[in-house]
Amino acid sequence: MKKVLFSVILICVAFVAKSEEFKPFRVDVGLGYAMPKGGGGVLFSIEPKYAFAPNIMAGFRAEWAGMARVRWTADAQGHTIDSGETEAKFTGSYLVTGDYHFTTDKFRPFAGLGVGLYTLAGAAILYNSDITTNINAGSKNNFGLMLRAGFDVAHCRLAVEYNFTGKDHMDKSCNYLGIKFSAYIGGGIKYIVVTH
């Protein structure tokens, strides 16, 4: 009886192995919208990754985001600009990432995270009503964290990612939310129809 049970288990394992051809390596290329507090911008990323199992992937994400925001205050009567600030920021990030897919179907929701280096560069222009301006430019490197969720379908990915970048050289937060659409090359599971 034990030999029969063992043989059945071996046959099932062999059937599963033959019915799915797993392709573990893929490269994601993404484009999206970056949203810091009170501003907006665009982002671009590339992320090679490797799946150690159909639902567990690890990779390396390189992403670049350009963002801007404008803040101003009016005079006491609310008619003319009394003072204000314009900021332009560029963020480059280089993170080790991990994703967990909740299914192995064609529609695959996931959650993931990343940790690594954020390079923050930018400039702020301060101005007031007497046309006095002050420009503050600089850069800084921080260790940061990224959390994300979304889904994969038909070699495409839609993800929402929040980047905890830390503060820049002006001691201001550069955290931003990214909404990103990616296409990927490779990866996934190729299903083979087994006939008898």
N, C-alpha and C. Protein backbone atom coordinates (compact mmCIF):
# COMPACT_ATOMS: atom_id res chain seq x y z
N MET A 1 0.82 -1.20 0.00
CA MET A 1 0.00 0.00 0.00
C MET A 1 0.86 1.26 0.00
N LYS A 2 1.93 1.25 0.80
CA LYS A 2 2.83 2.41 0.86
C LYS A 2 3.50 2.66 -0.49
N LYS A 3 3.86 1.57 -1.18
CA LYS A 3 4.50 1.71 -2.49
C LYS A 3 3.54 2.31 -3.50
N VAL A 4 2.27 1.91 -3.44
CA VAL A 4 1.26 2.45 -4.36
C VAL A 4 1.06 3.95 -4.09
N LEU A 5 0.94 4.34 -2.82
CA LEU A 5 0.76 5.74 -2.45
C LEU A 5 1.96 6.57 -2.89
N PHE A 6 3.15 6.04 -2.68
CA PHE A 6 4.36 6.75 -3.09
C PHE A 6 4.41 6.93 -4.61
N SER A 7 3.98 5.90 -5.34
CA SER A 7 3.95 5.97 -6.81
C SER A 7 2.96 7.02 -7.29
N VAL A 8 1.79 7.10 -6.64
CA VAL A 8 0.78 8.10 -7.01
C VAL A 8 1.32 9.51 -6.79
N ILE A 9 2.00 9.73 -5.65
CA ILE A 9 2.58 11.06 -5.37
C ILE A 9 3.61 11.42 -6.43
N LEU A 10 4.46 10.47 -6.81
CA LEU A 10 5.47 10.74 -7.84
C LEU A 10 4.83 11.09 -9.18
N ILE A 11 3.75 10.39 -9.53
CA ILE A 11 3.05 10.67 -10.78
C ILE A 11 2.45 12.07 -10.76
N CYS A 12 1.86 12.47 -9.63
CA CYS A 12 1.27 13.82 -9.50
C CYS A 12 2.33 14.90 -9.63
N VAL A 13 3.47 14.70 -8.97
CA VAL A 13 4.57 15.67 -9.05
C VAL A 13 5.08 15.78 -10.48
N ALA A 14 5.21 14.64 -11.15
CA ALA A 14 5.68 14.64 -12.54
C ALA A 14 4.68 15.34 -13.45
N PHE A 15 3.38 15.16 -13.21
CA PHE A 15 2.35 15.81 -14.04
C PHE A 15 2.41 17.33 -13.88
N VAL A 16 2.55 17.79 -12.62
CA VAL A 16 2.63 19.24 -12.38
C VAL A 16 3.86 19.82 -13.06
N ALA A 17 4.99 19.11 -12.96
CA ALA A 17 6.23 19.60 -13.56
C ALA A 17 6.10 19.69 -15.07
N LYS A 18 5.39 18.75 -15.69
CA LYS A 18 5.25 18.76 -17.15
C LYS A 18 4.18 19.74 -17.62
N SER A 19 3.21 20.05 -16.76
CA SER A 19 2.09 20.88 -17.19
C SER A 19 2.39 22.38 -17.12
N GLU A 20 3.46 22.77 -16.44
CA GLU A 20 3.81 24.18 -16.33
C GLU A 20 5.30 24.37 -16.63
N GLU A 21 5.59 25.27 -17.54
CA GLU A 21 6.97 25.63 -17.82
C GLU A 21 7.21 27.00 -17.22
N PHE A 22 8.00 27.04 -16.17
CA PHE A 22 8.19 28.26 -15.41
C PHE A 22 9.36 29.06 -15.97
N LYS A 23 9.11 30.35 -16.26
CA LYS A 23 10.16 31.24 -16.78
C LYS A 23 10.49 32.27 -15.70
N PRO A 24 11.60 32.09 -15.00
CA PRO A 24 11.82 32.89 -13.78
C PRO A 24 12.36 34.31 -13.99
N PHE A 25 13.01 34.60 -15.11
CA PHE A 25 13.66 35.91 -15.26
C PHE A 25 12.79 36.85 -16.10
N ARG A 26 12.72 38.12 -15.67
CA ARG A 26 11.99 39.12 -16.44
C ARG A 26 12.56 40.51 -16.17
N VAL A 27 12.25 41.44 -17.05
CA VAL A 27 12.67 42.84 -16.88
C VAL A 27 11.44 43.73 -17.06
N ASP A 28 11.15 44.54 -16.04
CA ASP A 28 10.03 45.49 -16.08
C ASP A 28 10.55 46.86 -16.50
N VAL A 29 9.84 47.52 -17.42
CA VAL A 29 10.15 48.89 -17.81
C VAL A 29 8.88 49.71 -17.56
N GLY A 30 8.99 50.74 -16.69
CA GLY A 30 7.80 51.45 -16.25
C GLY A 30 7.86 52.95 -16.46
N LEU A 31 6.67 53.53 -16.60
CA LEU A 31 6.50 54.98 -16.75
C LEU A 31 5.29 55.37 -15.92
N GLY A 32 5.37 56.53 -15.23
CA GLY A 32 4.24 56.88 -14.38
C GLY A 32 4.25 58.30 -13.90
N TYR A 33 3.36 58.55 -12.92
CA TYR A 33 3.16 59.88 -12.35
C TYR A 33 3.68 59.88 -10.93
N ALA A 34 4.51 60.87 -10.59
CA ALA A 34 5.07 61.00 -9.25
C ALA A 34 4.36 62.13 -8.52
N MET A 35 3.94 61.88 -7.29
CA MET A 35 3.19 62.87 -6.53
C MET A 35 3.82 63.12 -5.16
N PRO A 36 4.66 64.14 -5.05
CA PRO A 36 5.08 64.57 -3.71
C PRO A 36 3.95 65.39 -3.10
N LYS A 37 4.05 65.71 -1.84
CA LYS A 37 3.01 66.52 -1.20
C LYS A 37 2.97 67.91 -1.83
N GLY A 38 1.82 68.27 -2.39
CA GLY A 38 1.64 69.59 -2.97
C GLY A 38 2.23 69.78 -4.35
N GLY A 39 2.61 68.71 -5.03
CA GLY A 39 3.23 68.86 -6.34
C GLY A 39 2.98 67.67 -7.24
N GLY A 40 3.75 67.59 -8.32
CA GLY A 40 3.60 66.48 -9.25
C GLY A 40 4.80 66.36 -10.15
N GLY A 41 4.85 65.28 -10.91
CA GLY A 41 5.96 65.06 -11.83
C GLY A 41 5.82 63.73 -12.55
N VAL A 42 6.91 63.28 -13.16
CA VAL A 42 6.92 62.04 -13.91
C VAL A 42 8.04 61.15 -13.40
N LEU A 43 7.91 59.86 -13.68
CA LEU A 43 8.95 58.91 -13.27
C LEU A 43 9.16 57.87 -14.35
N PHE A 44 10.35 57.28 -14.33
CA PHE A 44 10.72 56.20 -15.23
C PHE A 44 11.52 55.18 -14.44
N SER A 45 11.29 53.90 -14.70
CA SER A 45 12.02 52.87 -13.95
C SER A 45 12.34 51.67 -14.83
N ILE A 46 13.35 50.95 -14.41
CA ILE A 46 13.68 49.66 -15.01
C ILE A 46 14.02 48.72 -13.86
N GLU A 47 13.50 47.48 -13.94
CA GLU A 47 13.64 46.56 -12.81
C GLU A 47 13.80 45.12 -13.29
N PRO A 48 15.03 44.63 -13.40
CA PRO A 48 15.23 43.20 -13.64
C PRO A 48 14.92 42.42 -12.37
N LYS A 49 14.32 41.24 -12.53
CA LYS A 49 13.96 40.46 -11.35
C LYS A 49 13.97 38.98 -11.67
N TYR A 50 14.02 38.20 -10.60
CA TYR A 50 14.10 36.75 -10.73
C TYR A 50 13.09 36.13 -9.77
N ALA A 51 12.32 35.17 -10.25
CA ALA A 51 11.32 34.49 -9.43
C ALA A 51 11.90 33.18 -8.90
N PHE A 52 11.94 33.06 -7.59
CA PHE A 52 12.42 31.83 -6.96
C PHE A 52 11.32 30.79 -6.86
N ALA A 53 10.08 31.25 -7.02
CA ALA A 53 8.89 30.40 -7.05
C ALA A 53 7.85 31.16 -7.87
N PRO A 54 6.78 30.51 -8.31
CA PRO A 54 5.79 31.22 -9.13
C PRO A 54 5.21 32.47 -8.48
N ASN A 55 5.24 32.57 -7.14
CA ASN A 55 4.65 33.73 -6.49
C ASN A 55 5.63 34.58 -5.68
N ILE A 56 6.92 34.30 -5.76
CA ILE A 56 7.92 35.07 -5.00
C ILE A 56 9.01 35.56 -5.95
N MET A 57 9.19 36.89 -6.01
CA MET A 57 10.18 37.48 -6.91
C MET A 57 11.09 38.44 -6.14
N ALA A 58 12.35 38.50 -6.56
CA ALA A 58 13.30 39.46 -6.02
C ALA A 58 13.97 40.17 -7.19
N GLY A 59 14.30 41.44 -7.00
CA GLY A 59 14.90 42.18 -8.11
C GLY A 59 15.66 43.40 -7.66
N PHE A 60 15.98 44.23 -8.64
CA PHE A 60 16.70 45.48 -8.39
C PHE A 60 16.01 46.58 -9.19
N ARG A 61 15.48 47.60 -8.49
CA ARG A 61 14.76 48.69 -9.16
C ARG A 61 15.61 49.94 -9.22
N ALA A 62 15.82 50.46 -10.44
CA ALA A 62 16.41 51.78 -10.64
C ALA A 62 15.30 52.68 -11.15
N GLU A 63 15.06 53.79 -10.43
CA GLU A 63 13.97 54.69 -10.81
C GLU A 63 14.43 56.13 -10.71
N TRP A 64 13.95 56.95 -11.67
CA TRP A 64 14.27 58.37 -11.69
C TRP A 64 12.97 59.15 -11.77
N ALA A 65 12.82 60.15 -10.89
CA ALA A 65 11.60 60.94 -10.84
C ALA A 65 11.95 62.42 -10.83
N GLY A 66 11.27 63.19 -11.67
CA GLY A 66 11.41 64.64 -11.68
C GLY A 66 10.11 65.26 -11.20
N MET A 67 10.19 66.14 -10.19
CA MET A 67 8.98 66.68 -9.57
C MET A 67 9.14 68.18 -9.32
N ALA A 68 8.01 68.87 -9.24
CA ALA A 68 8.01 70.31 -8.95
C ALA A 68 6.79 70.67 -8.13
N ARG A 69 6.92 71.74 -7.38
CA ARG A 69 5.77 72.29 -6.66
C ARG A 69 5.96 73.78 -6.44
N VAL A 70 4.84 74.50 -6.43
CA VAL A 70 4.86 75.96 -6.27
C VAL A 70 3.94 76.31 -5.12
N ARG A 71 4.45 77.13 -4.19
CA ARG A 71 3.64 77.62 -3.07
C ARG A 71 3.79 79.14 -2.99
N TRP A 72 2.69 79.83 -2.76
CA TRP A 72 2.77 81.28 -2.65
C TRP A 72 1.71 81.78 -1.69
N THR A 73 1.94 82.96 -1.17
CA THR A 73 0.99 83.61 -0.26
C THR A 73 0.63 84.97 -0.82
N ALA A 74 -0.61 85.40 -0.61
CA ALA A 74 -1.07 86.70 -1.09
C ALA A 74 -0.86 87.77 -0.03
N ASP A 75 -1.00 89.03 -0.45
CA ASP A 75 -0.90 90.13 0.50
C ASP A 75 -2.15 90.16 1.38
N ALA A 76 -2.22 91.13 2.26
CA ALA A 76 -3.32 91.20 3.22
C ALA A 76 -4.68 91.31 2.54
N GLN A 77 -4.73 91.94 1.36
CA GLN A 77 -5.99 92.07 0.65
C GLN A 77 -6.29 90.86 -0.23
N GLY A 78 -5.35 89.96 -0.37
CA GLY A 78 -5.54 88.76 -1.17
C GLY A 78 -5.46 88.98 -2.66
N HIS A 79 -4.80 90.06 -3.11
CA HIS A 79 -4.78 90.38 -4.54
C HIS A 79 -3.45 90.03 -5.22
N THR A 80 -2.35 90.38 -4.62
CA THR A 80 -1.05 90.16 -5.27
C THR A 80 -0.22 89.19 -4.47
N ILE A 81 0.76 88.61 -5.15
CA ILE A 81 1.65 87.65 -4.48
C ILE A 81 2.59 88.41 -3.55
N ASP A 82 2.58 88.02 -2.29
CA ASP A 82 3.46 88.65 -1.31
C ASP A 82 4.79 87.91 -1.21
N SER A 83 4.73 86.59 -1.19
CA SER A 83 5.95 85.78 -1.15
C SER A 83 5.62 84.38 -1.64
N GLY A 84 6.62 83.64 -1.98
CA GLY A 84 6.37 82.29 -2.46
C GLY A 84 7.64 81.49 -2.61
N GLU A 85 7.47 80.24 -3.04
CA GLU A 85 8.60 79.33 -3.21
C GLU A 85 8.29 78.37 -4.35
N THR A 86 9.25 78.18 -5.22
CA THR A 86 9.16 77.20 -6.29
C THR A 86 10.25 76.17 -6.09
N GLU A 87 9.88 74.90 -6.09
CA GLU A 87 10.86 73.83 -5.89
C GLU A 87 10.87 72.90 -7.09
N ALA A 88 12.06 72.52 -7.50
CA ALA A 88 12.25 71.50 -8.53
C ALA A 88 13.15 70.43 -7.94
N LYS A 89 12.70 69.17 -8.01
CA LYS A 89 13.46 68.09 -7.38
C LYS A 89 13.63 66.93 -8.34
N PHE A 90 14.78 66.28 -8.22
CA PHE A 90 15.08 65.08 -8.99
C PHE A 90 15.50 64.00 -8.00
N THR A 91 14.86 62.85 -8.10
CA THR A 91 15.16 61.73 -7.20
C THR A 91 15.56 60.51 -8.01
N GLY A 92 16.70 59.96 -7.70
CA GLY A 92 17.12 58.69 -8.27
C GLY A 92 17.16 57.65 -7.16
N SER A 93 16.60 56.47 -7.41
CA SER A 93 16.59 55.43 -6.38
C SER A 93 17.12 54.12 -6.93
N TYR A 94 17.80 53.39 -6.07
CA TYR A 94 18.45 52.13 -6.44
C TYR A 94 18.16 51.14 -5.31
N LEU A 95 17.13 50.28 -5.52
CA LEU A 95 16.59 49.47 -4.43
C LEU A 95 16.63 47.99 -4.75
N VAL A 96 16.86 47.19 -3.72
CA VAL A 96 16.64 45.75 -3.78
C VAL A 96 15.17 45.54 -3.46
N THR A 97 14.45 44.79 -4.31
CA THR A 97 13.01 44.65 -4.16
C THR A 97 12.58 43.20 -3.98
N GLY A 98 11.39 43.04 -3.41
CA GLY A 98 10.77 41.73 -3.29
C GLY A 98 9.27 41.86 -3.45
N ASP A 99 8.66 40.93 -4.18
CA ASP A 99 7.21 40.93 -4.40
C ASP A 99 6.64 39.56 -4.05
N TYR A 100 5.42 39.57 -3.51
CA TYR A 100 4.68 38.33 -3.29
C TYR A 100 3.39 38.40 -4.08
N HIS A 101 3.18 37.45 -5.00
CA HIS A 101 1.95 37.36 -5.78
C HIS A 101 0.97 36.44 -5.06
N PHE A 102 -0.28 36.88 -4.96
CA PHE A 102 -1.27 36.13 -4.21
C PHE A 102 -1.88 35.00 -5.00
N THR A 103 -1.70 34.99 -6.32
CA THR A 103 -2.18 33.89 -7.15
C THR A 103 -1.12 33.57 -8.20
N THR A 104 -1.29 32.45 -8.89
CA THR A 104 -0.44 32.12 -10.04
C THR A 104 -1.26 32.07 -11.32
N ASP A 105 -2.40 32.77 -11.31
CA ASP A 105 -3.25 32.85 -12.50
C ASP A 105 -2.74 33.93 -13.44
N LYS A 106 -3.49 34.18 -14.52
CA LYS A 106 -3.12 35.24 -15.45
C LYS A 106 -3.25 36.61 -14.82
N PHE A 107 -4.27 36.80 -13.96
CA PHE A 107 -4.42 38.03 -13.19
C PHE A 107 -3.80 37.80 -11.82
N ARG A 108 -2.72 38.54 -11.52
CA ARG A 108 -1.92 38.23 -10.34
C ARG A 108 -1.73 39.45 -9.46
N PRO A 109 -2.60 39.68 -8.47
CA PRO A 109 -2.38 40.78 -7.52
C PRO A 109 -1.14 40.50 -6.67
N PHE A 110 -0.47 41.56 -6.24
CA PHE A 110 0.77 41.39 -5.47
C PHE A 110 0.94 42.52 -4.46
N ALA A 111 1.85 42.29 -3.53
CA ALA A 111 2.33 43.32 -2.61
C ALA A 111 3.84 43.16 -2.52
N GLY A 112 4.54 44.26 -2.29
CA GLY A 112 6.00 44.17 -2.25
C GLY A 112 6.63 45.33 -1.52
N LEU A 113 7.95 45.28 -1.42
CA LEU A 113 8.71 46.35 -0.79
C LEU A 113 10.09 46.41 -1.40
N GLY A 114 10.79 47.50 -1.10
CA GLY A 114 12.16 47.68 -1.56
C GLY A 114 12.94 48.51 -0.56
N VAL A 115 14.23 48.26 -0.46
CA VAL A 115 15.10 49.05 0.41
C VAL A 115 16.37 49.38 -0.37
N GLY A 116 16.92 50.57 -0.10
CA GLY A 116 18.15 50.95 -0.78
C GLY A 116 18.44 52.43 -0.69
N LEU A 117 19.13 52.92 -1.71
CA LEU A 117 19.66 54.28 -1.72
C LEU A 117 18.78 55.22 -2.54
N TYR A 118 18.50 56.39 -1.97
CA TYR A 118 17.82 57.47 -2.68
C TYR A 118 18.79 58.65 -2.80
N THR A 119 18.98 59.14 -4.02
CA THR A 119 19.77 60.34 -4.27
C THR A 119 18.81 61.48 -4.54
N LEU A 120 18.84 62.50 -3.69
CA LEU A 120 17.91 63.62 -3.77
C LEU A 120 18.67 64.87 -4.21
N ALA A 121 18.24 65.46 -5.31
CA ALA A 121 18.86 66.69 -5.80
C ALA A 121 17.76 67.68 -6.13
N GLY A 122 18.01 68.96 -5.87
CA GLY A 122 16.97 69.93 -6.18
C GLY A 122 17.37 71.35 -5.89
N ALA A 123 16.46 72.22 -6.22
CA ALA A 123 16.68 73.65 -5.99
C ALA A 123 15.36 74.29 -5.60
N ALA A 124 15.43 75.27 -4.71
CA ALA A 124 14.26 76.04 -4.30
C ALA A 124 14.54 77.51 -4.55
N ILE A 125 13.58 78.18 -5.17
CA ILE A 125 13.68 79.62 -5.43
C ILE A 125 12.68 80.32 -4.52
N LEU A 126 13.18 81.14 -3.61
CA LEU A 126 12.34 81.91 -2.70
C LEU A 126 12.23 83.33 -3.23
N TYR A 127 11.02 83.89 -3.23
CA TYR A 127 10.85 85.25 -3.73
C TYR A 127 9.80 85.96 -2.89
N ASN A 128 9.84 87.31 -2.93
CA ASN A 128 8.84 88.10 -2.23
C ASN A 128 8.45 89.30 -3.07
N SER A 129 7.61 90.16 -2.52
CA SER A 129 6.99 91.23 -3.31
C SER A 129 7.97 92.27 -3.81
N ASP A 130 9.12 92.42 -3.18
CA ASP A 130 10.09 93.41 -3.68
C ASP A 130 11.11 92.79 -4.64
N ILE A 131 10.72 91.67 -5.26
CA ILE A 131 11.51 90.99 -6.32
C ILE A 131 12.84 90.48 -5.78
N THR A 132 12.93 90.27 -4.51
CA THR A 132 14.13 89.67 -3.93
C THR A 132 14.01 88.14 -4.05
N THR A 133 15.05 87.51 -4.54
CA THR A 133 15.03 86.06 -4.69
C THR A 133 16.23 85.44 -3.99
N ASN A 134 16.05 84.19 -3.62
CA ASN A 134 17.13 83.42 -3.00
C ASN A 134 17.05 82.00 -3.53
N ILE A 135 18.13 81.50 -4.08
CA ILE A 135 18.17 80.16 -4.66
C ILE A 135 18.97 79.25 -3.75
N ASN A 136 18.39 78.13 -3.40
CA ASN A 136 19.04 77.14 -2.54
C ASN A 136 19.09 75.82 -3.30
N ALA A 137 20.26 75.40 -3.74
CA ALA A 137 20.41 74.16 -4.51
C ALA A 137 21.39 73.23 -3.81
N GLY A 138 21.18 71.93 -3.99
CA GLY A 138 22.08 70.97 -3.38
C GLY A 138 21.60 69.55 -3.60
N SER A 139 22.29 68.60 -2.99
CA SER A 139 21.93 67.19 -3.12
C SER A 139 22.27 66.44 -1.84
N LYS A 140 21.67 65.26 -1.71
CA LYS A 140 21.88 64.45 -0.51
C LYS A 140 21.54 63.00 -0.82
N ASN A 141 22.22 62.07 -0.17
CA ASN A 141 21.94 60.63 -0.30
C ASN A 141 21.32 60.12 0.99
N ASN A 142 20.24 59.35 0.88
CA ASN A 142 19.57 58.77 2.03
C ASN A 142 19.30 57.29 1.82
N PHE A 143 19.26 56.55 2.92
CA PHE A 143 18.76 55.18 2.89
C PHE A 143 17.25 55.26 3.01
N GLY A 144 16.50 54.53 2.17
CA GLY A 144 15.05 54.66 2.18
C GLY A 144 14.33 53.35 1.96
N LEU A 145 12.99 53.45 1.93
CA LEU A 145 12.11 52.29 1.86
C LEU A 145 10.99 52.57 0.87
N MET A 146 10.55 51.54 0.16
CA MET A 146 9.42 51.64 -0.76
C MET A 146 8.44 50.51 -0.47
N LEU A 147 7.14 50.85 -0.40
CA LEU A 147 6.07 49.86 -0.26
C LEU A 147 5.18 49.95 -1.49
N ARG A 148 4.69 48.81 -1.99
CA ARG A 148 3.87 48.84 -3.19
C ARG A 148 2.84 47.72 -3.22
N ALA A 149 1.83 47.93 -4.08
CA ALA A 149 0.80 46.93 -4.33
C ALA A 149 0.25 47.17 -5.72
N GLY A 150 -0.31 46.12 -6.32
CA GLY A 150 -0.86 46.25 -7.66
C GLY A 150 -1.20 44.89 -8.23
N PHE A 151 -1.13 44.78 -9.56
CA PHE A 151 -1.41 43.50 -10.20
C PHE A 151 -0.65 43.39 -11.52
N ASP A 152 -0.39 42.14 -11.91
CA ASP A 152 0.19 41.80 -13.21
C ASP A 152 -0.88 41.12 -14.04
N VAL A 153 -0.91 41.42 -15.34
CA VAL A 153 -1.79 40.73 -16.27
C VAL A 153 -1.24 40.91 -17.68
N ALA A 154 -1.16 39.81 -18.42
CA ALA A 154 -0.75 39.84 -19.84
C ALA A 154 0.54 40.62 -20.08
N HIS A 155 1.56 40.34 -19.30
CA HIS A 155 2.88 40.98 -19.41
C HIS A 155 2.82 42.49 -19.18
N CYS A 156 1.84 42.92 -18.42
CA CYS A 156 1.72 44.33 -18.01
C CYS A 156 1.55 44.38 -16.49
N ARG A 157 1.94 45.51 -15.92
CA ARG A 157 1.81 45.69 -14.47
C ARG A 157 1.30 47.09 -14.18
N LEU A 158 0.36 47.17 -13.24
CA LEU A 158 -0.09 48.45 -12.71
C LEU A 158 0.20 48.44 -11.22
N ALA A 159 0.93 49.44 -10.75
CA ALA A 159 1.34 49.45 -9.35
C ALA A 159 1.23 50.84 -8.75
N VAL A 160 0.95 50.85 -7.45
CA VAL A 160 1.00 52.07 -6.65
C VAL A 160 2.14 51.88 -5.66
N GLU A 161 3.10 52.80 -5.66
CA GLU A 161 4.29 52.67 -4.83
C GLU A 161 4.48 53.94 -3.99
N TYR A 162 4.71 53.76 -2.70
CA TYR A 162 5.03 54.91 -1.85
C TYR A 162 6.49 54.84 -1.46
N ASN A 163 7.21 55.92 -1.74
CA ASN A 163 8.66 55.98 -1.50
C ASN A 163 8.96 56.86 -0.29
N PHE A 164 9.55 56.24 0.73
CA PHE A 164 10.00 56.97 1.92
C PHE A 164 11.47 57.34 1.69
N THR A 165 11.70 58.53 1.19
CA THR A 165 13.04 58.93 0.75
C THR A 165 13.84 59.65 1.82
N GLY A 166 13.19 60.12 2.87
CA GLY A 166 13.87 60.96 3.85
C GLY A 166 13.87 62.42 3.43
N LYS A 167 14.68 63.24 4.10
CA LYS A 167 14.70 64.68 3.86
C LYS A 167 15.88 65.09 3.00
N ASP A 168 15.70 66.18 2.25
CA ASP A 168 16.74 66.67 1.36
C ASP A 168 17.70 67.62 2.09
N HIS A 169 18.57 68.29 1.34
CA HIS A 169 19.57 69.18 1.94
C HIS A 169 18.95 70.40 2.60
N MET A 170 17.67 70.69 2.31
CA MET A 170 16.96 71.80 2.95
C MET A 170 16.12 71.33 4.13
N ASP A 171 16.30 70.07 4.52
CA ASP A 171 15.58 69.46 5.63
C ASP A 171 14.08 69.37 5.34
N LYS A 172 13.73 69.14 4.06
CA LYS A 172 12.34 68.97 3.67
C LYS A 172 12.12 67.56 3.16
N SER A 173 10.95 67.01 3.46
CA SER A 173 10.62 65.66 3.03
C SER A 173 10.52 65.59 1.50
N CYS A 174 11.08 64.52 0.94
CA CYS A 174 10.97 64.26 -0.50
C CYS A 174 10.15 63.01 -0.79
N ASN A 175 9.43 62.51 0.22
CA ASN A 175 8.59 61.33 0.01
C ASN A 175 7.63 61.56 -1.14
N TYR A 176 7.37 60.52 -1.93
CA TYR A 176 6.42 60.67 -3.02
C TYR A 176 5.69 59.37 -3.31
N LEU A 177 4.48 59.53 -3.84
CA LEU A 177 3.65 58.42 -4.28
C LEU A 177 3.81 58.27 -5.79
N GLY A 178 4.06 57.06 -6.25
CA GLY A 178 4.18 56.81 -7.68
C GLY A 178 3.06 55.90 -8.16
N ILE A 179 2.40 56.29 -9.25
CA ILE A 179 1.42 55.44 -9.92
C ILE A 179 2.03 55.06 -11.25
N LYS A 180 2.28 53.78 -11.45
CA LYS A 180 3.16 53.36 -12.55
C LYS A 180 2.56 52.22 -13.37
N PHE A 181 2.68 52.36 -14.69
CA PHE A 181 2.33 51.29 -15.61
C PHE A 181 3.62 50.73 -16.19
N SER A 182 3.78 49.41 -16.16
CA SER A 182 4.99 48.77 -16.67
C SER A 182 4.64 47.68 -17.66
N ALA A 183 5.52 47.48 -18.61
CA ALA A 183 5.47 46.31 -19.49
C ALA A 183 6.71 45.48 -19.16
N TYR A 184 6.57 44.16 -19.24
CA TYR A 184 7.75 43.35 -18.92
C TYR A 184 8.03 42.30 -19.98
N ILE A 185 9.33 42.02 -20.09
CA ILE A 185 9.83 41.04 -21.05
C ILE A 185 10.25 39.80 -20.27
N GLY A 186 9.78 38.64 -20.71
CA GLY A 186 10.10 37.40 -20.01
C GLY A 186 9.14 37.18 -18.86
N GLY A 187 9.45 36.21 -18.00
CA GLY A 187 8.67 35.95 -16.80
C GLY A 187 7.38 35.20 -17.06
N GLY A 188 6.70 34.88 -15.98
CA GLY A 188 5.40 34.24 -16.06
C GLY A 188 5.47 32.72 -16.18
N ILE A 189 4.31 32.14 -16.36
CA ILE A 189 4.18 30.69 -16.48
C ILE A 189 3.56 30.37 -17.83
N LYS A 190 4.19 29.49 -18.57
CA LYS A 190 3.64 29.04 -19.84
C LYS A 190 2.93 27.72 -19.60
N TYR A 191 1.63 27.71 -19.83
CA TYR A 191 0.84 26.51 -19.59
C TYR A 191 0.85 25.62 -20.83
N ILE A 192 1.08 24.34 -20.61
CA ILE A 192 1.13 23.36 -21.70
C ILE A 192 -0.03 22.40 -21.54
N VAL A 193 -0.79 22.19 -22.58
CA VAL A 193 -1.90 21.25 -22.54
C VAL A 193 -1.36 19.83 -22.66
N VAL A 194 -1.64 19.02 -21.68
CA VAL A 194 -1.18 17.64 -21.69
C VAL A 194 -2.32 16.76 -22.14
N THR A 195 -2.11 16.05 -23.25
CA THR A 195 -3.16 15.15 -23.75
C THR A 195 -2.70 13.71 -23.61
N HIS A 196 -3.67 12.87 -23.53
CA HIS A 196 -3.36 11.44 -23.38
C HIS A 196 -3.84 10.69 -24.61
